[in-house]
Amino acid sequence: MPHFAITYEYDDRPAEMDSRRPAHRAFLSDLQQRGDLIVCGPLVSPEGDPTGGLLIVVAADAAAAGRLVDDAPYAHAGLITQRTVREWNPIIGTLAPPAS
């Protein structure tokens, strides 16, 4: 199944993000336990502040990948100002297909 890189840009509301982070992480943990999410984590500014997020997911296509995160608590709260979904083809590393 194809891999997709999903990137978020966050709104600048750190207190609201902090209050919703446990639910957001629980949502992402559920995706990981189902096998849809490979890895995720925040993108940070040079000062170390979270400015967005990066998720690597598996899905049938880009639309399905986007639907995986439509119900994320940060999305429902309007904390995600921009989201991109792009197919990603790992070539080298643990996610790459075996060399033939």
PDB file of N, CA and C in Angstrom:
ATOM      1  N   MET A   1       0.850  -1.176   0.000  1.00  0.00           N
ATOM      2  CA  MET A   1       0.000   0.000   0.000  1.00  0.00           C
ATOM      3  C   MET A   1       0.897   1.241   0.000  1.00  0.00           C
ATOM      4  N   PRO A   2       0.516   2.286  -0.719  1.00  0.00           N
ATOM      5  CA  PRO A   2       1.351   3.486  -0.811  1.00  0.00           C
ATOM      6  C   PRO A   2       1.483   4.236   0.521  1.00  0.00           C
ATOM      7  N   HIS A   3       2.606   4.925   0.648  1.00  0.00           N
ATOM      8  CA  HIS A   3       2.852   5.803   1.791  1.00  0.00           C
ATOM      9  C   HIS A   3       2.499   7.233   1.401  1.00  0.00           C
ATOM     10  N   PHE A   4       2.059   8.017   2.384  1.00  0.00           N
ATOM     11  CA  PHE A   4       1.750   9.426   2.173  1.00  0.00           C
ATOM     12  C   PHE A   4       2.337  10.245   3.312  1.00  0.00           C
ATOM     13  N   ALA A   5       2.883  11.394   2.951  1.00  0.00           N
ATOM     14  CA  ALA A   5       3.358  12.364   3.938  1.00  0.00           C
ATOM     15  C   ALA A   5       2.270  13.421   4.078  1.00  0.00           C
ATOM     16  N   ILE A   6       1.811  13.593   5.291  1.00  0.00           N
ATOM     17  CA  ILE A   6       0.819  14.622   5.592  1.00  0.00           C
ATOM     18  C   ILE A   6       1.523  15.664   6.443  1.00  0.00           C
ATOM     19  N   THR A   7       1.445  16.908   6.016  1.00  0.00           N
ATOM     20  CA  THR A   7       2.016  17.986   6.824  1.00  0.00           C
ATOM     21  C   THR A   7       0.900  18.930   7.247  1.00  0.00           C
ATOM     22  N   TYR A   8       1.064  19.447   8.466  1.00  0.00           N
ATOM     23  CA  TYR A   8       0.145  20.423   9.038  1.00  0.00           C
ATOM     24  C   TYR A   8       0.910  21.710   9.303  1.00  0.00           C
ATOM     25  N   GLU A   9       0.201  22.826   9.244  1.00  0.00           N
ATOM     26  CA  GLU A   9       0.670  24.070   9.835  1.00  0.00           C
ATOM     27  C   GLU A   9      -0.338  24.423  10.916  1.00  0.00           C
ATOM     28  N   TYR A  10       0.179  24.796  12.097  1.00  0.00           N
ATOM     29  CA  TYR A  10      -0.685  25.077  13.240  1.00  0.00           C
ATOM     30  C   TYR A  10      -0.998  26.559  13.376  1.00  0.00           C
ATOM     31  N   ASP A  11      -2.184  26.845  13.881  1.00  0.00           N
ATOM     32  CA  ASP A  11      -2.559  28.187  14.290  1.00  0.00           C
ATOM     33  C   ASP A  11      -1.760  28.511  15.560  1.00  0.00           C
ATOM     34  N   ASP A  12      -1.545  29.765  15.827  1.00  0.00           N
ATOM     35  CA  ASP A  12      -0.733  30.172  16.976  1.00  0.00           C
ATOM     36  C   ASP A  12      -1.616  30.341  18.213  1.00  0.00           C
ATOM     37  N   ARG A  13      -2.061  29.193  18.744  1.00  0.00           N
ATOM     38  CA  ARG A  13      -2.859  29.176  19.973  1.00  0.00           C
ATOM     39  C   ARG A  13      -2.302  28.101  20.894  1.00  0.00           C
ATOM     40  N   PRO A  14      -1.107  28.349  21.464  1.00  0.00           N
ATOM     41  CA  PRO A  14      -0.437  27.298  22.240  1.00  0.00           C
ATOM     42  C   PRO A  14      -1.235  26.782  23.433  1.00  0.00           C
ATOM     43  N   ALA A  15      -1.964  27.636  24.116  1.00  0.00           N
ATOM     44  CA  ALA A  15      -2.726  27.163  25.280  1.00  0.00           C
ATOM     45  C   ALA A  15      -3.813  26.183  24.850  1.00  0.00           C
ATOM     46  N   GLU A  16      -4.489  26.468  23.744  1.00  0.00           N
ATOM     47  CA  GLU A  16      -5.528  25.555  23.265  1.00  0.00           C
ATOM     48  C   GLU A  16      -4.907  24.251  22.758  1.00  0.00           C
ATOM     49  N   MET A  17      -3.756  24.350  22.092  1.00  0.00           N
ATOM     50  CA  MET A  17      -3.068  23.134  21.647  1.00  0.00           C
ATOM     51  C   MET A  17      -2.688  22.274  22.841  1.00  0.00           C
ATOM     52  N   ASP A  18      -2.166  22.918  23.888  1.00  0.00           N
ATOM     53  CA  ASP A  18      -1.782  22.172  25.087  1.00  0.00           C
ATOM     54  C   ASP A  18      -2.975  21.441  25.687  1.00  0.00           C
ATOM     55  N   SER A  19      -4.128  22.101  25.725  1.00  0.00           N
ATOM     56  CA  SER A  19      -5.290  21.472  26.353  1.00  0.00           C
ATOM     57  C   SER A  19      -5.847  20.321  25.519  1.00  0.00           C
ATOM     58  N   ARG A  20      -5.655  20.376  24.209  1.00  0.00           N
ATOM     59  CA  ARG A  20      -6.180  19.332  23.331  1.00  0.00           C
ATOM     60  C   ARG A  20      -5.142  18.254  22.968  1.00  0.00           C
ATOM     61  N   ARG A  21      -3.895  18.456  23.375  1.00  0.00           N
ATOM     62  CA  ARG A  21      -2.827  17.523  22.997  1.00  0.00           C
ATOM     63  C   ARG A  21      -3.101  16.086  23.451  1.00  0.00           C
ATOM     64  N   PRO A  22      -3.549  15.835  24.686  1.00  0.00           N
ATOM     65  CA  PRO A  22      -3.807  14.431  25.066  1.00  0.00           C
ATOM     66  C   PRO A  22      -4.815  13.735  24.140  1.00  0.00           C
ATOM     67  N   ALA A  23      -5.904  14.416  23.797  1.00  0.00           N
ATOM     68  CA  ALA A  23      -6.896  13.807  22.902  1.00  0.00           C
ATOM     69  C   ALA A  23      -6.319  13.630  21.500  1.00  0.00           C
ATOM     70  N   HIS A  24      -5.537  14.600  21.048  1.00  0.00           N
ATOM     71  CA  HIS A  24      -4.931  14.511  19.718  1.00  0.00           C
ATOM     72  C   HIS A  24      -3.967  13.326  19.653  1.00  0.00           C
ATOM     73  N   ARG A  25      -3.148  13.179  20.672  1.00  0.00           N
ATOM     74  CA  ARG A  25      -2.201  12.050  20.687  1.00  0.00           C
ATOM     75  C   ARG A  25      -2.918  10.720  20.810  1.00  0.00           C
ATOM     76  N   ALA A  26      -4.000  10.669  21.560  1.00  0.00           N
ATOM     77  CA  ALA A  26      -4.781   9.429  21.660  1.00  0.00           C
ATOM     78  C   ALA A  26      -5.361   9.063  20.294  1.00  0.00           C
ATOM     79  N   PHE A  27      -5.847  10.068  19.571  1.00  0.00           N
ATOM     80  CA  PHE A  27      -6.370   9.846  18.219  1.00  0.00           C
ATOM     81  C   PHE A  27      -5.284   9.281  17.314  1.00  0.00           C
ATOM     82  N   LEU A  28      -4.099   9.887  17.344  1.00  0.00           N
ATOM     83  CA  LEU A  28      -2.987   9.419  16.510  1.00  0.00           C
ATOM     84  C   LEU A  28      -2.518   8.027  16.934  1.00  0.00           C
ATOM     85  N   SER A  29      -2.505   7.759  18.238  1.00  0.00           N
ATOM     86  CA  SER A  29      -2.121   6.427  18.723  1.00  0.00           C
ATOM     87  C   SER A  29      -3.085   5.366  18.204  1.00  0.00           C
ATOM     88  N   ASP A  30      -4.364   5.707  18.130  1.00  0.00           N
ATOM     89  CA  ASP A  30      -5.347   4.770  17.584  1.00  0.00           C
ATOM     90  C   ASP A  30      -5.048   4.487  16.110  1.00  0.00           C
ATOM     91  N   LEU A  31      -4.715   5.520  15.341  1.00  0.00           N
ATOM     92  CA  LEU A  31      -4.338   5.301  13.937  1.00  0.00           C
ATOM     93  C   LEU A  31      -3.126   4.382  13.825  1.00  0.00           C
ATOM     94  N   GLN A  32      -2.162   4.582  14.725  1.00  0.00           N
ATOM     95  CA  GLN A  32      -0.948   3.748  14.704  1.00  0.00           C
ATOM     96  C   GLN A  32      -1.289   2.310  15.059  1.00  0.00           C
ATOM     97  N   GLN A  33      -2.115   2.097  16.045  1.00  0.00           N
ATOM     98  CA  GLN A  33      -2.494   0.741  16.450  1.00  0.00           C
ATOM     99  C   GLN A  33      -3.279   0.029  15.359  1.00  0.00           C
ATOM    100  N   ARG A  34      -4.037   0.775  14.555  1.00  0.00           N
ATOM    101  CA  ARG A  34      -4.782   0.177  13.433  1.00  0.00           C
ATOM    102  C   ARG A  34      -3.879  -0.133  12.251  1.00  0.00           C
ATOM    103  N   GLY A  35      -2.655   0.398  12.257  1.00  0.00           N
ATOM    104  CA  GLY A  35      -1.725   0.156  11.169  1.00  0.00           C
ATOM    105  C   GLY A  35      -1.751   1.208  10.077  1.00  0.00           C
ATOM    106  N   ASP A  36      -2.522   2.285  10.275  1.00  0.00           N
ATOM    107  CA  ASP A  36      -2.613   3.347   9.275  1.00  0.00           C
ATOM    108  C   ASP A  36      -1.488   4.370   9.398  1.00  0.00           C
ATOM    109  N   LEU A  37      -1.034   4.624  10.604  1.00  0.00           N
ATOM    110  CA  LEU A  37      -0.001   5.621  10.868  1.00  0.00           C
ATOM    111  C   LEU A  37       1.325   4.924  11.131  1.00  0.00           C
ATOM    112  N   ILE A  38       2.351   5.326  10.386  1.00  0.00           N
ATOM    113  CA  ILE A  38       3.678   4.751  10.571  1.00  0.00           C
ATOM    114  C   ILE A  38       4.458   5.522  11.634  1.00  0.00           C
ATOM    115  N   VAL A  39       4.491   6.845  11.491  1.00  0.00           N
ATOM    116  CA  VAL A  39       5.236   7.696  12.422  1.00  0.00           C
ATOM    117  C   VAL A  39       4.677   9.108  12.320  1.00  0.00           C
ATOM    118  N   CYS A  40       4.805   9.878  13.393  1.00  0.00           N
ATOM    119  CA  CYS A  40       4.378  11.271  13.357  1.00  0.00           C
ATOM    120  C   CYS A  40       5.120  12.057  14.419  1.00  0.00           C
ATOM    121  N   GLY A  41       5.076  13.354  14.273  1.00  0.00           N
ATOM    122  CA  GLY A  41       5.682  14.222  15.265  1.00  0.00           C
ATOM    123  C   GLY A  41       5.617  15.666  14.817  1.00  0.00           C
ATOM    124  N   PRO A  42       5.908  16.582  15.763  1.00  0.00           N
ATOM    125  CA  PRO A  42       5.812  17.996  15.432  1.00  0.00           C
ATOM    126  C   PRO A  42       6.988  18.473  14.587  1.00  0.00           C
ATOM    127  N   LEU A  43       6.681  19.477  13.764  1.00  0.00           N
ATOM    128  CA  LEU A  43       7.712  20.254  13.085  1.00  0.00           C
ATOM    129  C   LEU A  43       7.950  21.466  13.981  1.00  0.00           C
ATOM    130  N   VAL A  44       9.203  21.820  14.209  1.00  0.00           N
ATOM    131  CA  VAL A  44       9.499  22.868  15.188  1.00  0.00           C
ATOM    132  C   VAL A  44      10.261  24.026  14.558  1.00  0.00           C
ATOM    133  N   SER A  45      10.081  25.185  15.160  1.00  0.00           N
ATOM    134  CA  SER A  45      10.801  26.381  14.745  1.00  0.00           C
ATOM    135  C   SER A  45      12.238  26.288  15.249  1.00  0.00           C
ATOM    136  N   PRO A  46      13.128  27.176  14.785  1.00  0.00           N
ATOM    137  CA  PRO A  46      14.500  27.174  15.321  1.00  0.00           C
ATOM    138  C   PRO A  46      14.543  27.375  16.839  1.00  0.00           C
ATOM    139  N   GLU A  47      13.502  27.993  17.385  1.00  0.00           N
ATOM    140  CA  GLU A  47      13.435  28.204  18.836  1.00  0.00           C
ATOM    141  C   GLU A  47      12.882  26.996  19.577  1.00  0.00           C
ATOM    142  N   GLY A  48      12.430  25.978  18.834  1.00  0.00           N
ATOM    143  CA  GLY A  48      11.927  24.762  19.454  1.00  0.00           C
ATOM    144  C   GLY A  48      10.425  24.719  19.649  1.00  0.00           C
ATOM    145  N   ASP A  49       9.702  25.697  19.122  1.00  0.00           N
ATOM    146  CA  ASP A  49       8.252  25.728  19.268  1.00  0.00           C
ATOM    147  C   ASP A  49       7.592  24.921  18.146  1.00  0.00           C
ATOM    148  N   PRO A  50       6.543  24.151  18.458  1.00  0.00           N
ATOM    149  CA  PRO A  50       5.853  23.410  17.404  1.00  0.00           C
ATOM    150  C   PRO A  50       5.130  24.372  16.460  1.00  0.00           C
ATOM    151  N   THR A  51       5.389  24.225  15.179  1.00  0.00           N
ATOM    152  CA  THR A  51       4.743  25.069  14.174  1.00  0.00           C
ATOM    153  C   THR A  51       3.857  24.255  13.239  1.00  0.00           C
ATOM    154  N   GLY A  52       3.939  22.955  13.342  1.00  0.00           N
ATOM    155  CA  GLY A  52       3.162  22.073  12.488  1.00  0.00           C
ATOM    156  C   GLY A  52       3.445  20.630  12.838  1.00  0.00           C
ATOM    157  N   GLY A  53       3.049  19.750  11.960  1.00  0.00           N
ATOM    158  CA  GLY A  53       3.251  18.328  12.194  1.00  0.00           C
ATOM    159  C   GLY A  53       3.534  17.598  10.899  1.00  0.00           C
ATOM    160  N   LEU A  54       4.168  16.445  11.036  1.00  0.00           N
ATOM    161  CA  LEU A  54       4.451  15.554   9.912  1.00  0.00           C
ATOM    162  C   LEU A  54       3.978  14.170  10.299  1.00  0.00           C
ATOM    163  N   LEU A  55       3.184  13.566   9.422  1.00  0.00           N
ATOM    164  CA  LEU A  55       2.696  12.204   9.629  1.00  0.00           C
ATOM    165  C   LEU A  55       3.015  11.399   8.386  1.00  0.00           C
ATOM    166  N   ILE A  56       3.460  10.173   8.571  1.00  0.00           N
ATOM    167  CA  ILE A  56       3.623   9.229   7.467  1.00  0.00           C
ATOM    168  C   ILE A  56       2.555   8.161   7.674  1.00  0.00           C
ATOM    169  N   VAL A  57       1.678   8.031   6.680  1.00  0.00           N
ATOM    170  CA  VAL A  57       0.574   7.083   6.766  1.00  0.00           C
ATOM    171  C   VAL A  57       0.589   6.163   5.554  1.00  0.00           C
ATOM    172  N   VAL A  58      -0.136   5.076   5.658  1.00  0.00           N
ATOM    173  CA  VAL A  58      -0.382   4.203   4.511  1.00  0.00           C
ATOM    174  C   VAL A  58      -1.869   4.266   4.199  1.00  0.00           C
ATOM    175  N   ALA A  59      -2.170   4.356   2.905  1.00  0.00           N
ATOM    176  CA  ALA A  59      -3.561   4.436   2.472  1.00  0.00           C
ATOM    177  C   ALA A  59      -3.629   4.078   0.995  1.00  0.00           C
ATOM    178  N   ALA A  60      -4.832   3.829   0.515  1.00  0.00           N
ATOM    179  CA  ALA A  60      -5.019   3.443  -0.877  1.00  0.00           C
ATOM    180  C   ALA A  60      -4.688   4.580  -1.831  1.00  0.00           C
ATOM    181  N   ASP A  61      -4.996   5.816  -1.427  1.00  0.00           N
ATOM    182  CA  ASP A  61      -4.729   6.974  -2.279  1.00  0.00           C
ATOM    183  C   ASP A  61      -4.691   8.226  -1.406  1.00  0.00           C
ATOM    184  N   ALA A  62      -4.395   9.373  -2.024  1.00  0.00           N
ATOM    185  CA  ALA A  62      -4.248  10.623  -1.270  1.00  0.00           C
ATOM    186  C   ALA A  62      -5.548  11.022  -0.570  1.00  0.00           C
ATOM    187  N   ALA A  63      -6.672  10.809  -1.219  1.00  0.00           N
ATOM    188  CA  ALA A  63      -7.952  11.162  -0.599  1.00  0.00           C
ATOM    189  C   ALA A  63      -8.192  10.335   0.658  1.00  0.00           C
ATOM    190  N   ALA A  64      -7.893   9.043   0.590  1.00  0.00           N
ATOM    191  CA  ALA A  64      -8.061   8.179   1.758  1.00  0.00           C
ATOM    192  C   ALA A  64      -7.095   8.567   2.864  1.00  0.00           C
ATOM    193  N   ALA A  65      -5.884   8.960   2.499  1.00  0.00           N
ATOM    194  CA  ALA A  65      -4.907   9.406   3.499  1.00  0.00           C
ATOM    195  C   ALA A  65      -5.433  10.643   4.216  1.00  0.00           C
ATOM    196  N   GLY A  66      -5.968  11.585   3.481  1.00  0.00           N
ATOM    197  CA  GLY A  66      -6.525  12.787   4.099  1.00  0.00           C
ATOM    198  C   GLY A  66      -7.686  12.486   5.021  1.00  0.00           C
ATOM    199  N   ARG A  67      -8.538  11.557   4.602  1.00  0.00           N
ATOM    200  CA  ARG A  67      -9.688  11.194   5.443  1.00  0.00           C
ATOM    201  C   ARG A  67      -9.257  10.589   6.779  1.00  0.00           C
ATOM    202  N   LEU A  68      -8.089   9.941   6.812  1.00  0.00           N
ATOM    203  CA  LEU A  68      -7.622   9.353   8.067  1.00  0.00           C
ATOM    204  C   LEU A  68      -7.504  10.386   9.173  1.00  0.00           C
ATOM    205  N   VAL A  69      -7.163  11.616   8.809  1.00  0.00           N
ATOM    206  CA  VAL A  69      -6.908  12.640   9.834  1.00  0.00           C
ATOM    207  C   VAL A  69      -7.977  13.728   9.877  1.00  0.00           C
ATOM    208  N   ASP A  70      -9.057  13.561   9.124  1.00  0.00           N
ATOM    209  CA  ASP A  70     -10.133  14.553   9.144  1.00  0.00           C
ATOM    210  C   ASP A  70     -10.718  14.763  10.535  1.00  0.00           C
ATOM    211  N   ASP A  71     -10.755  13.711  11.335  1.00  0.00           N
ATOM    212  CA  ASP A  71     -11.367  13.803  12.664  1.00  0.00           C
ATOM    213  C   ASP A  71     -10.368  14.055  13.781  1.00  0.00           C
ATOM    214  N   ALA A  72      -9.164  14.468  13.440  1.00  0.00           N
ATOM    215  CA  ALA A  72      -8.161  14.766  14.472  1.00  0.00           C
ATOM    216  C   ALA A  72      -8.663  15.898  15.363  1.00  0.00           C
ATOM    217  N   PRO A  73      -8.480  15.789  16.673  1.00  0.00           N
ATOM    218  CA  PRO A  73      -8.931  16.848  17.575  1.00  0.00           C
ATOM    219  C   PRO A  73      -8.389  18.237  17.227  1.00  0.00           C
ATOM    220  N   TYR A  74      -7.150  18.329  16.789  1.00  0.00           N
ATOM    221  CA  TYR A  74      -6.628  19.639  16.381  1.00  0.00           C
ATOM    222  C   TYR A  74      -7.403  20.181  15.177  1.00  0.00           C
ATOM    223  N   ALA A  75      -7.799  19.312  14.268  1.00  0.00           N
ATOM    224  CA  ALA A  75      -8.568  19.757  13.103  1.00  0.00           C
ATOM    225  C   ALA A  75      -9.938  20.270  13.528  1.00  0.00           C
ATOM    226  N   HIS A  76     -10.617  19.533  14.402  1.00  0.00           N
ATOM    227  CA  HIS A  76     -11.945  19.951  14.865  1.00  0.00           C
ATOM    228  C   HIS A  76     -11.900  21.277  15.602  1.00  0.00           C
ATOM    229  N   ALA A  77     -10.783  21.561  16.264  1.00  0.00           N
ATOM    230  CA  ALA A  77     -10.643  22.810  17.023  1.00  0.00           C
ATOM    231  C   ALA A  77     -10.176  23.976  16.149  1.00  0.00           C
ATOM    232  N   GLY A  78      -9.936  23.727  14.869  1.00  0.00           N
ATOM    233  CA  GLY A  78      -9.460  24.786  13.991  1.00  0.00           C
ATOM    234  C   GLY A  78      -8.005  25.146  14.215  1.00  0.00           C
ATOM    235  N   LEU A  79      -7.244  24.246  14.808  1.00  0.00           N
ATOM    236  CA  LEU A  79      -5.835  24.508  15.099  1.00  0.00           C
ATOM    237  C   LEU A  79      -4.922  24.199  13.924  1.00  0.00           C
ATOM    238  N   ILE A  80      -5.438  23.539  12.907  1.00  0.00           N
ATOM    239  CA  ILE A  80      -4.656  23.241  11.705  1.00  0.00           C
ATOM    240  C   ILE A  80      -5.094  24.232  10.629  1.00  0.00           C
ATOM    241  N   THR A  81      -4.168  25.100  10.259  1.00  0.00           N
ATOM    242  CA  THR A  81      -4.508  26.134   9.284  1.00  0.00           C
ATOM    243  C   THR A  81      -4.266  25.688   7.852  1.00  0.00           C
ATOM    244  N   GLN A  82      -3.385  24.720   7.683  1.00  0.00           N
ATOM    245  CA  GLN A  82      -3.108  24.200   6.341  1.00  0.00           C
ATOM    246  C   GLN A  82      -2.695  22.739   6.467  1.00  0.00           C
ATOM    247  N   ARG A  83      -3.133  21.935   5.491  1.00  0.00           N
ATOM    248  CA  ARG A  83      -2.766  20.519   5.465  1.00  0.00           C
ATOM    249  C   ARG A  83      -2.425  20.149   4.038  1.00  0.00           C
ATOM    250  N   THR A  84      -1.331  19.415   3.872  1.00  0.00           N
ATOM    251  CA  THR A  84      -0.981  18.876   2.564  1.00  0.00           C
ATOM    252  C   THR A  84      -0.864  17.371   2.679  1.00  0.00           C
ATOM    253  N   VAL A  85      -1.221  16.687   1.606  1.00  0.00           N
ATOM    254  CA  VAL A  85      -1.100  15.232   1.526  1.00  0.00           C
ATOM    255  C   VAL A  85      -0.373  14.940   0.224  1.00  0.00           C
ATOM    256  N   ARG A  86       0.778  14.282   0.345  1.00  0.00           N
ATOM    257  CA  ARG A  86       1.559  13.945  -0.858  1.00  0.00           C
ATOM    258  C   ARG A  86       2.025  12.502  -0.770  1.00  0.00           C
ATOM    259  N   GLU A  87       1.952  11.809  -1.895  1.00  0.00           N
ATOM    260  CA  GLU A  87       2.481  10.444  -1.919  1.00  0.00           C
ATOM    261  C   GLU A  87       3.984  10.506  -1.703  1.00  0.00           C
ATOM    262  N   TRP A  88       4.489   9.544  -0.971  1.00  0.00           N
ATOM    263  CA  TRP A  88       5.905   9.491  -0.619  1.00  0.00           C
ATOM    264  C   TRP A  88       6.408   8.084  -0.909  1.00  0.00           C
ATOM    265  N   ASN A  89       7.515   7.986  -1.640  1.00  0.00           N
ATOM    266  CA  ASN A  89       8.082   6.693  -2.009  1.00  0.00           C
ATOM    267  C   ASN A  89       9.419   6.483  -1.313  1.00  0.00           C
ATOM    268  N   PRO A  90       9.425   5.777  -0.193  1.00  0.00           N
ATOM    269  CA  PRO A  90      10.698   5.517   0.472  1.00  0.00           C
ATOM    270  C   PRO A  90      11.578   4.610  -0.392  1.00  0.00           C
ATOM    271  N   ILE A  91      12.821   4.998  -0.567  1.00  0.00           N
ATOM    272  CA  ILE A  91      13.752   4.251  -1.412  1.00  0.00           C
ATOM    273  C   ILE A  91      14.826   3.557  -0.582  1.00  0.00           C
ATOM    274  N   ILE A  92      15.312   4.238   0.433  1.00  0.00           N
ATOM    275  CA  ILE A  92      16.366   3.697   1.301  1.00  0.00           C
ATOM    276  C   ILE A  92      15.891   3.813   2.736  1.00  0.00           C
ATOM    277  N   GLY A  93      16.107   2.785   3.519  1.00  0.00           N
ATOM    278  CA  GLY A  93      15.741   2.819   4.930  1.00  0.00           C
ATOM    279  C   GLY A  93      14.760   1.737   5.294  1.00  0.00           C
ATOM    280  N   THR A  94      14.282   1.803   6.531  1.00  0.00           N
ATOM    281  CA  THR A  94      13.446   0.730   7.062  1.00  0.00           C
ATOM    282  C   THR A  94      12.081   0.632   6.390  1.00  0.00           C
ATOM    283  N   LEU A  95      11.607   1.701   5.778  1.00  0.00           N
ATOM    284  CA  LEU A  95      10.317   1.661   5.098  1.00  0.00           C
ATOM    285  C   LEU A  95      10.415   1.352   3.623  1.00  0.00           C
ATOM    286  N   ALA A  96      11.630   1.282   3.116  1.00  0.00           N
ATOM    287  CA  ALA A  96      11.849   1.013   1.685  1.00  0.00           C
ATOM    288  C   ALA A  96      11.547  -0.444   1.367  1.00  0.00           C
ATOM    289  N   PRO A  97      11.081  -0.703   0.157  1.00  0.00           N
ATOM    290  CA  PRO A  97      10.863  -2.112  -0.234  1.00  0.00           C
ATOM    291  C   PRO A  97      12.202  -2.845  -0.298  1.00  0.00           C
ATOM    292  N   PRO A  98      12.173  -4.142  -0.105  1.00  0.00           N
ATOM    293  CA  PRO A  98      13.416  -4.925  -0.164  1.00  0.00           C
ATOM    294  C   PRO A  98      14.085  -4.771  -1.551  1.00  0.00           C
ATOM    295  N   ALA A  99      15.393  -4.685  -1.528  1.00  0.00           N
ATOM    296  CA  ALA A  99      16.148  -4.603  -2.787  1.00  0.00           C
ATOM    297  C   ALA A  99      15.984  -5.917  -3.543  1.00  0.00           C
ATOM    298  N   SER A 100      15.880  -5.816  -4.859  1.00  0.00           N
ATOM    299  CA  SER A 100      15.738  -7.041  -5.649  1.00  0.00           C
ATOM    300  C   SER A 100      17.006  -7.359  -6.401  1.00  0.00           C
TER     301      SER A 100
END
